[in-house]
Protein backbone atom coordinates (compact mmCIF):
# COMPACT_ATOMS: atom_id res chain seq x y z
CA UNK A 1 -57.23 -57.54 158.58
CA UNK A 2 -55.19 -59.11 161.43
CA UNK A 3 -57.46 -62.17 161.56
CA UNK A 4 -55.85 -63.25 158.38
CA UNK A 5 -52.72 -63.19 160.03
CA UNK A 6 -53.80 -65.78 162.85
CA UNK A 7 -54.94 -68.41 160.28
CA UNK A 8 -53.17 -71.38 161.06
CA UNK A 9 -51.48 -71.42 157.62
CA UNK A 10 -49.71 -68.26 158.36
CA UNK A 11 -47.87 -70.15 161.10
CA UNK A 12 -46.91 -73.02 158.52
CA UNK A 13 -45.86 -70.49 156.07
CA UNK A 14 -43.36 -68.76 158.62
CA UNK A 15 -42.15 -71.92 159.67
CA UNK A 16 -41.42 -72.93 156.14
CA UNK A 17 -39.95 -69.76 155.53
CA UNK A 18 -37.03 -70.42 157.99
CA UNK A 19 -35.91 -73.10 156.30
CA UNK A 20 -35.90 -71.55 152.91
CA UNK A 21 -32.03 -69.65 153.68
CA UNK A 22 -30.80 -73.44 154.54
CA UNK A 23 -32.47 -74.92 151.51
CA UNK A 24 -30.76 -72.22 149.33
CA UNK A 25 -27.49 -72.94 150.68
CA UNK A 26 -27.76 -76.64 150.73
CA UNK A 27 -28.45 -76.67 146.73
CA UNK A 28 -26.09 -73.98 146.06
CA UNK A 29 -23.50 -75.88 147.78
CA UNK A 30 -24.03 -79.01 146.00
CA UNK A 31 -26.12 -81.35 148.30
CA UNK A 32 -25.29 -83.10 151.55
CA UNK A 33 -21.88 -83.24 152.87
CA UNK A 34 -20.63 -80.31 150.94
CA UNK A 35 -21.65 -77.43 153.20
CA UNK A 36 -18.61 -76.82 155.31
CA UNK A 37 -18.17 -73.94 157.81
CA UNK A 38 -15.13 -72.34 157.37
CA UNK A 39 -14.61 -72.90 153.69
CA UNK A 40 -17.78 -72.34 151.73
CA UNK A 41 -19.68 -70.63 154.43
CA UNK A 42 -18.49 -68.68 157.70
CA UNK A 43 -19.06 -70.55 161.07
CA UNK A 44 -21.43 -67.77 162.17
CA UNK A 45 -23.58 -67.78 159.19
CA UNK A 46 -23.70 -71.62 159.30
CA UNK A 47 -25.05 -71.49 163.10
CA UNK A 48 -27.54 -68.81 162.10
CA UNK A 49 -29.05 -70.17 158.74
CA UNK A 50 -28.88 -73.76 159.69
CA UNK A 51 -30.24 -72.93 163.12
CA UNK A 52 -33.58 -71.08 161.80
CA UNK A 53 -34.03 -74.25 159.62
CA UNK A 54 -33.59 -76.38 162.51
CA UNK A 55 -36.34 -74.19 164.47
CA UNK A 56 -38.91 -73.99 161.56
CA UNK A 57 -38.61 -77.73 161.09
CA UNK A 58 -39.10 -78.52 164.62
CA UNK A 59 -42.41 -76.66 164.61
CA UNK A 60 -43.48 -78.47 161.51
CA UNK A 61 -42.23 -81.69 163.03
CA UNK A 62 -44.59 -81.03 166.20
CA UNK A 63 -47.58 -79.97 164.11
CA UNK A 64 -47.31 -83.31 162.29
CA UNK A 65 -47.25 -85.37 165.36
CA UNK A 66 -50.05 -83.57 166.94
CA UNK A 67 -52.13 -84.20 163.89
CA UNK A 68 -51.23 -87.70 163.77
CA UNK A 69 -52.45 -88.24 167.10
CA UNK A 70 -56.32 -88.34 165.63
CA UNK A 71 -55.23 -91.31 163.75
CA UNK A 72 -53.04 -93.43 166.09
CA UNK A 73 -52.29 -93.99 169.50
CA UNK A 74 -50.77 -90.67 171.11
CA UNK A 75 -47.64 -92.67 172.51
CA UNK A 76 -46.85 -93.99 169.15
CA UNK A 77 -47.08 -90.49 167.43
CA UNK A 78 -44.96 -89.19 170.30
CA UNK A 79 -42.40 -92.10 169.69
CA UNK A 80 -42.27 -91.30 165.97
CA UNK A 81 -41.73 -87.83 167.01
CA UNK A 82 -39.09 -88.37 169.36
CA UNK A 83 -37.06 -90.79 166.61
CA UNK A 84 -37.23 -87.84 164.05
CA UNK A 85 -36.32 -85.18 166.34
CA UNK A 86 -33.08 -86.92 167.52
CA UNK A 87 -32.26 -88.36 164.28
CA UNK A 88 -29.48 -85.76 163.96
CA UNK A 89 -27.82 -87.56 166.77
CA UNK A 90 -27.93 -90.65 165.25
CA UNK A 91 -26.37 -89.36 162.07
CA UNK A 92 -23.48 -87.86 164.12
CA UNK A 93 -22.57 -91.09 166.29
CA UNK A 94 -23.16 -93.01 162.91
CA UNK A 95 -20.30 -91.17 161.33
CA UNK A 96 -17.90 -91.76 164.23
CA UNK A 97 -18.96 -95.57 164.30
CA UNK A 98 -18.15 -95.63 160.76
CA UNK A 99 -14.75 -94.05 160.97
CA UNK A 100 -14.04 -96.52 163.88
CA UNK A 101 -15.06 -99.28 161.61
CA UNK A 102 -12.46 -98.16 158.99
CA UNK A 103 -9.70 -98.39 161.56
CA UNK A 104 -9.79 -95.22 163.71
CA UNK A 105 -9.74 -96.09 167.55
CA UNK A 106 -10.10 -92.43 168.19
CA UNK A 107 -13.46 -92.29 166.26
CA UNK A 108 -14.76 -95.17 168.55
CA UNK A 109 -14.08 -93.02 171.64
CA UNK A 110 -15.66 -90.16 170.15
CA UNK A 111 -19.06 -92.13 169.01
CA UNK A 112 -19.34 -92.90 172.77
CA UNK A 113 -18.44 -89.49 174.05
CA UNK A 114 -21.10 -87.69 171.71
CA UNK A 115 -23.76 -90.74 172.82
CA UNK A 116 -22.95 -90.24 176.55
CA UNK A 117 -23.02 -86.50 176.14
CA UNK A 118 -26.03 -86.58 174.22
CA UNK A 119 -27.92 -88.82 177.02
CA UNK A 120 -26.78 -86.76 179.65
CA UNK A 121 -27.87 -83.30 178.19
CA UNK A 122 -31.17 -84.71 177.61
CA UNK A 123 -31.72 -85.58 181.19
CA UNK A 124 -29.59 -82.98 182.75
CA UNK A 125 -30.74 -79.84 180.63
CA UNK A 126 -33.89 -81.27 179.09
CA UNK A 127 -35.78 -83.13 181.73
CA UNK A 128 -34.77 -80.28 184.55
CA UNK A 129 -35.16 -77.25 182.02
CA UNK A 130 -38.48 -78.22 180.83
CA UNK A 131 -39.65 -79.03 184.23
CA UNK A 132 -38.77 -75.71 185.57
CA UNK A 133 -39.98 -73.80 182.39
CA UNK A 134 -43.37 -75.76 182.48
CA UNK A 135 -43.96 -74.53 186.15
CA UNK A 136 -42.79 -71.29 185.05
CA UNK A 137 -45.20 -71.04 182.14
CA UNK A 138 -48.31 -72.53 183.68
CA UNK A 139 -48.77 -69.10 185.64
CA UNK A 140 -50.18 -68.04 182.05
CA UNK A 141 -51.25 -71.24 180.20
CA UNK A 142 -52.95 -72.90 183.68
CA UNK A 143 -51.38 -76.06 182.60
CA UNK A 144 -53.11 -78.46 184.86
CA UNK A 145 -50.57 -80.73 185.13
CA UNK A 146 -48.47 -78.17 187.40
CA UNK A 147 -49.70 -77.98 190.96
CA UNK A 148 -48.58 -75.47 193.56
CA UNK A 149 -47.70 -76.26 196.98
CA UNK A 150 -46.48 -74.55 200.20
CA UNK A 151 -42.89 -74.90 200.86
CA UNK A 152 -39.60 -73.85 199.23
CA UNK A 153 -39.18 -75.25 195.80
CA UNK A 154 -41.97 -77.86 196.25
CA UNK A 155 -44.30 -76.99 193.10
CA UNK A 156 -44.31 -79.66 191.02
CA UNK A 157 -45.20 -81.11 187.39
CA UNK A 158 -47.46 -84.09 187.58
CA UNK A 159 -47.07 -86.71 184.89
CA UNK A 160 -49.79 -88.95 183.30
CA UNK A 161 -49.37 -92.41 184.74
CA UNK A 162 -49.79 -93.65 181.31
CA UNK A 163 -45.79 -92.81 180.94
CA UNK A 164 -45.44 -95.62 183.42
CA UNK A 165 -44.61 -97.95 180.23
CA UNK A 166 -41.81 -95.69 178.87
CA UNK A 167 -40.35 -95.15 182.37
CA UNK A 168 -40.22 -99.03 182.79
CA UNK A 169 -38.60 -99.46 179.78
CA UNK A 170 -36.03 -97.01 180.34
CA UNK A 171 -35.36 -98.37 183.65
CA UNK A 172 -34.67 -101.96 182.20
CA UNK A 173 -32.35 -100.11 179.42
CA UNK A 174 -30.51 -98.30 182.27
CA UNK A 175 -29.97 -101.59 184.17
CA UNK A 176 -28.69 -103.17 181.03
CA UNK A 177 -26.09 -99.86 180.66
CA UNK A 178 -24.40 -100.79 183.83
CA UNK A 179 -22.94 -103.91 182.25
CA UNK A 180 -21.83 -102.70 178.94
CA UNK A 181 -18.54 -101.40 179.95
CA UNK A 182 -17.41 -104.65 181.33
CA UNK A 183 -17.05 -106.26 177.81
CA UNK A 184 -15.14 -102.95 176.83
CA UNK A 185 -17.13 -102.28 173.94
CA UNK A 186 -20.72 -102.43 172.40
CA UNK A 187 -20.90 -105.91 170.42
CA UNK A 188 -23.78 -108.02 169.00
CA UNK A 189 -25.31 -109.18 171.92
CA UNK A 190 -25.80 -105.67 173.11
CA UNK A 191 -27.37 -104.71 169.95
CA UNK A 192 -29.63 -107.68 170.15
CA UNK A 193 -30.64 -106.56 173.49
CA UNK A 194 -31.14 -102.91 173.16
CA UNK A 195 -32.88 -102.98 169.81
CA UNK A 196 -34.72 -106.00 170.62
CA UNK A 197 -36.01 -104.00 173.45
CA UNK A 198 -36.53 -100.71 171.52
CA UNK A 199 -38.86 -102.87 169.11
CA UNK A 200 -40.73 -104.33 171.97
CA UNK A 201 -41.52 -101.00 173.37
CA UNK A 202 -42.78 -99.84 169.79
CA UNK A 203 -45.20 -102.98 169.61
CA UNK A 204 -46.61 -102.03 172.89
CA UNK A 205 -47.43 -98.39 171.94
CA UNK A 206 -48.55 -99.34 168.57
CA UNK A 207 -51.15 -101.85 169.81
CA UNK A 208 -52.27 -99.64 172.40
CA UNK A 209 -55.70 -97.89 172.21
CA UNK A 210 -56.03 -94.98 170.09
CA UNK A 211 -58.50 -93.26 172.13
CA UNK A 212 -59.80 -90.05 171.77
CA UNK A 213 -57.42 -87.53 170.68
CA UNK A 214 -56.96 -84.42 173.30
CA UNK A 215 -58.55 -81.32 172.39
CA UNK A 216 -56.15 -79.28 170.12
CA UNK A 217 -55.62 -75.64 169.09
CA UNK A 218 -54.11 -73.93 166.18
CA UNK A 219 -52.38 -75.66 163.37
CA UNK A 220 -53.11 -79.53 164.38
CA UNK A 221 -56.80 -78.50 164.92
CA UNK A 222 -57.09 -77.19 161.57
CA UNK A 223 -55.45 -80.24 159.97
CA UNK A 224 -57.72 -82.38 162.06
CA UNK A 225 -60.63 -81.01 159.78
CA UNK A 226 -59.10 -82.32 156.66
CA UNK A 227 -60.61 -85.31 155.26
CA UNK A 228 -58.31 -88.52 156.24
CA UNK A 229 -56.53 -88.90 152.74
CA UNK A 230 -55.25 -85.27 152.66
CA UNK A 231 -54.75 -85.11 156.48
CA UNK A 232 -52.27 -88.22 156.25
CA UNK A 233 -50.79 -86.50 153.28
CA UNK A 234 -49.85 -83.39 155.47
CA UNK A 235 -48.75 -85.65 158.43
CA UNK A 236 -46.04 -87.52 156.03
CA UNK A 237 -44.97 -84.55 154.49
CA UNK A 238 -44.63 -82.82 158.06
CA UNK A 239 -42.76 -85.95 159.41
CA UNK A 240 -40.43 -86.32 155.93
CA UNK A 241 -39.78 -82.70 155.20
CA UNK A 242 -38.92 -81.80 158.75
CA UNK A 243 -36.64 -84.92 159.04
CA UNK A 244 -34.73 -83.91 155.98
CA UNK A 245 -34.03 -80.23 157.10
CA UNK A 246 -33.12 -81.33 160.49
CA UNK A 247 -30.92 -84.17 159.30
CA UNK A 248 -29.04 -82.26 156.78
CA UNK A 249 -28.82 -78.86 158.58
CA UNK A 250 -27.72 -80.10 162.11
CA UNK A 251 -24.20 -81.01 161.27
CA UNK A 252 -23.14 -77.88 159.74
CA UNK A 253 -24.98 -76.38 162.61
CA UNK A 254 -22.74 -78.50 165.09
CA UNK A 255 -19.41 -77.61 162.97
CA UNK A 256 -20.44 -74.06 162.93
CA UNK A 257 -20.58 -74.04 166.82
CA UNK A 258 -17.27 -76.09 167.17
CA UNK A 259 -15.23 -73.82 164.98
CA UNK A 260 -16.81 -70.85 167.01
CA UNK A 261 -15.72 -72.81 170.13
CA UNK A 262 -12.34 -73.12 168.96
CA UNK A 263 -12.10 -69.65 168.32
CA UNK A 264 -12.36 -69.28 172.27
CA UNK A 265 -10.13 -71.92 173.03
CA UNK A 266 -12.44 -74.64 174.04
CA UNK A 267 -10.79 -78.04 173.22
CA UNK A 268 -12.20 -80.00 170.47
CA UNK A 269 -13.01 -83.35 172.34
CA UNK A 270 -14.95 -81.28 174.83
CA UNK A 271 -16.97 -79.87 172.05
CA UNK A 272 -17.56 -83.18 170.51
CA UNK A 273 -19.07 -84.41 173.72
CA UNK A 274 -21.06 -81.49 174.84
CA UNK A 275 -21.47 -78.80 171.88
CA UNK A 276 -22.25 -80.95 169.13
CA UNK A 277 -24.80 -83.10 171.11
CA UNK A 278 -26.43 -79.79 172.37
CA UNK A 279 -26.88 -78.83 168.47
CA UNK A 280 -28.43 -82.22 167.53
CA UNK A 281 -30.68 -82.39 170.55
CA UNK A 282 -32.11 -78.87 170.09
CA UNK A 283 -35.01 -79.89 167.53
CA UNK A 284 -36.21 -82.34 170.58
CA UNK A 285 -35.81 -79.50 173.23
CA UNK A 286 -37.90 -76.75 171.01
CA UNK A 287 -40.48 -79.09 170.29
CA UNK A 288 -40.85 -79.89 173.98
CA UNK A 289 -40.94 -76.37 174.83
CA UNK A 290 -43.71 -75.67 172.28
CA UNK A 291 -45.78 -78.53 173.63
CA UNK A 292 -45.47 -76.77 177.18
CA UNK A 293 -46.20 -73.58 175.97
CA UNK A 294 -49.40 -75.14 174.66
CA UNK A 295 -49.72 -76.79 178.39
CA UNK A 296 -49.40 -80.20 177.00
CA UNK A 297 -46.79 -80.73 179.61
CA UNK A 298 -47.48 -84.42 179.70
CA UNK A 299 -47.27 -84.78 175.88
CA UNK A 300 -43.88 -82.99 176.17
CA UNK A 301 -42.27 -85.31 178.96
CA UNK A 302 -43.78 -88.23 177.12
CA UNK A 303 -41.26 -87.04 174.13
CA UNK A 304 -38.23 -86.32 176.31
CA UNK A 305 -38.60 -89.75 177.81
CA UNK A 306 -39.49 -91.69 174.77
CA UNK A 307 -36.24 -89.75 173.28
CA UNK A 308 -34.11 -91.00 176.14
CA UNK A 309 -35.35 -94.41 175.81
CA UNK A 310 -34.65 -94.53 172.10
CA UNK A 311 -31.11 -92.97 172.42
CA UNK A 312 -30.44 -95.40 175.51
CA UNK A 313 -31.60 -98.47 173.57
CA UNK A 314 -31.63 -97.96 169.35
CA UNK A 315 -28.82 -95.66 169.19
CA UNK A 316 -26.69 -97.91 171.51
CA UNK A 317 -27.58 -100.85 169.35
CA UNK A 318 -26.91 -99.38 166.08
CA UNK A 319 -23.62 -98.10 166.77
CA UNK A 320 -22.22 -101.77 166.59
CA UNK A 321 -24.33 -102.23 163.30
CA UNK A 322 -22.82 -99.41 161.64
CA UNK A 323 -19.32 -100.06 162.92
CA UNK A 324 -19.73 -103.98 161.72
CA UNK A 325 -20.66 -102.86 158.34
CA UNK A 326 -17.77 -100.48 158.08
CA UNK A 327 -15.53 -103.09 159.19
CA UNK A 328 -16.87 -105.46 157.02
CA UNK A 329 -17.31 -108.12 159.46
CA UNK A 330 -19.33 -108.59 162.91
CA UNK A 331 -17.31 -107.17 165.71
CA UNK A 332 -17.49 -104.94 168.91
CA UNK A 333 -17.10 -101.25 168.92
CA UNK A 334 -14.23 -101.05 171.50
CA UNK A 335 -13.37 -98.06 173.80
CA UNK A 336 -10.98 -96.90 176.33
CA UNK A 337 -11.33 -96.48 180.20
CA UNK A 338 -12.53 -92.91 179.97
CA UNK A 339 -15.39 -93.86 177.72
CA UNK A 340 -16.25 -96.78 180.11
CA UNK A 341 -16.35 -94.20 183.12
CA UNK A 342 -18.49 -92.03 180.79
CA UNK A 343 -21.30 -94.99 180.25
CA UNK A 344 -21.25 -95.70 184.00
CA UNK A 345 -22.25 -91.76 184.90
CA UNK A 346 -24.63 -91.81 182.27
CA UNK A 347 -26.22 -95.04 183.36
CA UNK A 348 -26.23 -93.66 187.10
CA UNK A 349 -27.46 -90.30 186.00
CA UNK A 350 -30.55 -92.03 184.36
CA UNK A 351 -31.05 -94.34 187.32
CA UNK A 352 -31.40 -91.25 189.43
CA UNK A 353 -33.80 -89.37 187.29
CA UNK A 354 -36.07 -92.57 186.61
CA UNK A 355 -36.03 -92.73 190.62
CA UNK A 356 -37.49 -89.12 190.55
CA UNK A 357 -39.91 -89.93 188.26
CA UNK A 358 -41.28 -93.12 189.96
CA UNK A 359 -44.11 -91.15 191.72
CA UNK A 360 -44.89 -89.27 188.44
CA UNK A 361 -44.08 -86.05 189.55
CA UNK A 362 -40.81 -83.77 189.24
CA UNK A 363 -40.68 -80.73 191.58
CA UNK A 364 -38.82 -77.71 191.00
CA UNK A 365 -36.03 -79.00 193.76
CA UNK A 366 -35.72 -82.15 191.85
CA UNK A 367 -35.24 -80.47 188.63
CA UNK A 368 -32.60 -77.99 190.07
CA UNK A 369 -30.89 -80.79 191.68
CA UNK A 370 -30.63 -82.53 188.10
CA UNK A 371 -29.20 -79.37 186.43
CA UNK A 372 -26.79 -78.66 189.32
CA UNK A 373 -24.99 -82.20 189.31
CA UNK A 374 -25.00 -81.86 185.52
CA UNK A 375 -23.63 -78.68 185.33
CA UNK A 376 -20.95 -79.07 188.01
CA UNK A 377 -19.67 -82.48 186.82
CA UNK A 378 -19.15 -80.79 183.14
CA UNK A 379 -18.12 -77.40 184.52
CA UNK A 380 -15.38 -79.12 186.62
CA UNK A 381 -14.25 -81.73 183.87
CA UNK A 382 -13.57 -78.47 181.65
CA UNK A 383 -11.59 -76.87 184.44
CA UNK A 384 -9.40 -80.10 184.64
CA UNK A 385 -9.06 -80.13 180.86
CA UNK A 386 -8.05 -76.67 180.68
CA UNK A 387 -5.52 -76.57 183.61
CA UNK A 388 -3.76 -79.93 183.50
CA UNK A 389 -1.85 -81.72 180.63
CA UNK A 390 -2.27 -85.21 179.88
CA UNK A 391 -2.15 -88.09 181.14
CA UNK A 392 -3.11 -86.28 184.39
CA UNK A 393 -6.23 -84.61 182.90
CA UNK A 394 -7.71 -88.01 182.01
CA UNK A 395 -6.83 -89.58 185.04
CA UNK A 396 -8.37 -86.65 187.42
CA UNK A 397 -11.28 -86.60 184.67
CA UNK A 398 -11.78 -90.38 185.25
CA UNK A 399 -12.04 -90.07 189.14
CA UNK A 400 -14.50 -87.01 188.77
CA UNK A 401 -16.65 -89.16 186.82
CA UNK A 402 -16.62 -91.95 189.23
CA UNK A 403 -17.42 -89.66 192.16
CA UNK A 404 -20.53 -88.25 190.43
CA UNK A 405 -21.36 -91.82 189.21
CA UNK A 406 -21.31 -92.90 193.15
CA UNK A 407 -23.44 -89.31 193.91
CA UNK A 408 -25.90 -90.36 191.36
CA UNK A 409 -26.25 -93.81 192.37
CA UNK A 410 -26.45 -93.50 195.96
CA UNK A 411 -29.26 -90.90 195.24
CA UNK A 412 -31.16 -93.12 193.11
CA UNK A 413 -31.27 -96.47 194.94
CA UNK A 414 -31.88 -94.34 198.17
CA UNK A 415 -35.16 -93.01 196.32
CA UNK A 416 -36.10 -96.17 194.92
CA UNK A 417 -36.15 -97.66 198.34
CA UNK A 418 -37.89 -94.91 199.39
CA UNK A 419 -40.27 -94.77 197.03
CA UNK A 420 -40.69 -98.68 196.94
CA UNK A 421 -44.55 -98.41 196.96
CA UNK A 422 -44.62 -95.90 193.99
CA UNK A 423 -41.93 -98.20 192.15
CA UNK A 424 -44.15 -101.40 193.04
CA UNK A 425 -47.23 -99.68 191.27
CA UNK A 426 -45.22 -98.29 188.15
CA UNK A 427 -44.00 -101.47 187.51
CA UNK A 428 -47.52 -103.29 187.91
CA UNK A 429 -49.08 -100.84 185.67
CA UNK A 430 -46.33 -100.89 183.10
CA UNK A 431 -46.79 -105.11 183.03
CA UNK A 432 -50.67 -104.61 182.85
CA UNK A 433 -49.98 -102.34 179.72
CA UNK A 434 -47.69 -104.84 177.92
CA UNK A 435 -50.08 -107.83 178.90
CA UNK A 436 -53.02 -105.92 177.33
CA UNK A 437 -50.97 -105.15 174.28
CA UNK A 438 -49.65 -108.56 173.68
CA UNK A 439 -53.16 -110.00 174.57
CA UNK A 440 -54.67 -107.67 172.26
CA UNK A 441 -52.62 -108.59 169.31
CA UNK A 442 -53.70 -112.41 170.28
CA UNK A 443 -57.04 -111.49 170.38
CA UNK A 444 -57.18 -109.93 166.97
CA UNK A 445 -55.31 -112.79 165.32
CA UNK A 446 -57.81 -115.05 166.68
CA UNK A 447 -60.71 -113.01 165.59
CA UNK A 448 -59.34 -112.95 162.00
CA UNK A 449 -59.14 -116.69 162.22
């Protein structure tokens, strides 16, 4: 009898069931944009119902991506997974960029604040938290990527060297991010470079060898047995259904969190920068935790790095596009000096995080440093905005951002120098992957001719 409940389709049914209350709320309220916590649903209920739907959809999304690995390169499946999992972040930022195009300067600052908050959460909480969770779970899962070493906090998660391509592209995007604030806004040239960089990355991974899919268990293994036609239908349904659920549920979820936060005296701007992105990043973190729980930490970190890459390229680039469409002319999404400082600290954090990965490892000690730097900066800023009034709060906050930017930059550059041999290996491996992908495309064209 119990064996029936262990059937993979039971897990799928449970994940689908988690989305049903949200679907009912969504339909009864009249569709997208009509569910407003505090009006037609209480904030607590919005967080509960939408949150459960996001969890269910995240599992469906992960299963679809794992099933797709049988037919496409794993890196491409992970890239699609990463884009869909952070789609809610695109939606929130696009909303602020659209309002900025309609004439709201405050909305432009909110768009940048939300974007930088999401990027720093992904590294400060995502990379560090998942690394610590991976090492903790490895005692039960036997994850081969985890290596236990003698010494204080020296256990490490070892990453597959095939992730070199993602790391190298992220390094290029990070280097470019340092110059964005110099122009005072995100403009057409930024869009061309960053979106072009992301498209080049997609070309490289899609032309990679599909290779043999990893051995899967559970739901993906069950769907791998399907004939190709039905299997592709399952994959498409998983991507589309979960994407729609996440896209529609995350905004009410974030609004519910914001209203609950207001009840406890948390400033609105602080919540838009930190609580809303935390809500929109939750599907991604759930998916990666699921992969880690299956001893697939390499795929999990690939998803995290890919998510950071598409947020650091595609998300920033599309902000200027949305702004220009709303404004009715090609323009630049301008921001104030505070948001310029936010971009610089985000770029510096990214630089330091990439430096940590240049040897394809992340230790407990390094993960804790990432987490502490992130947490102390956020908590210090929260203390300032709660204690001081404007304009003193903004002035002090900018000083804090510059101080942490300097710390991140010094640590990052120091690590790059110390690990220069690893950096050289990473860049050479990445360049080889790019040449192979482009050469593969040329060879295929010549063969067809």
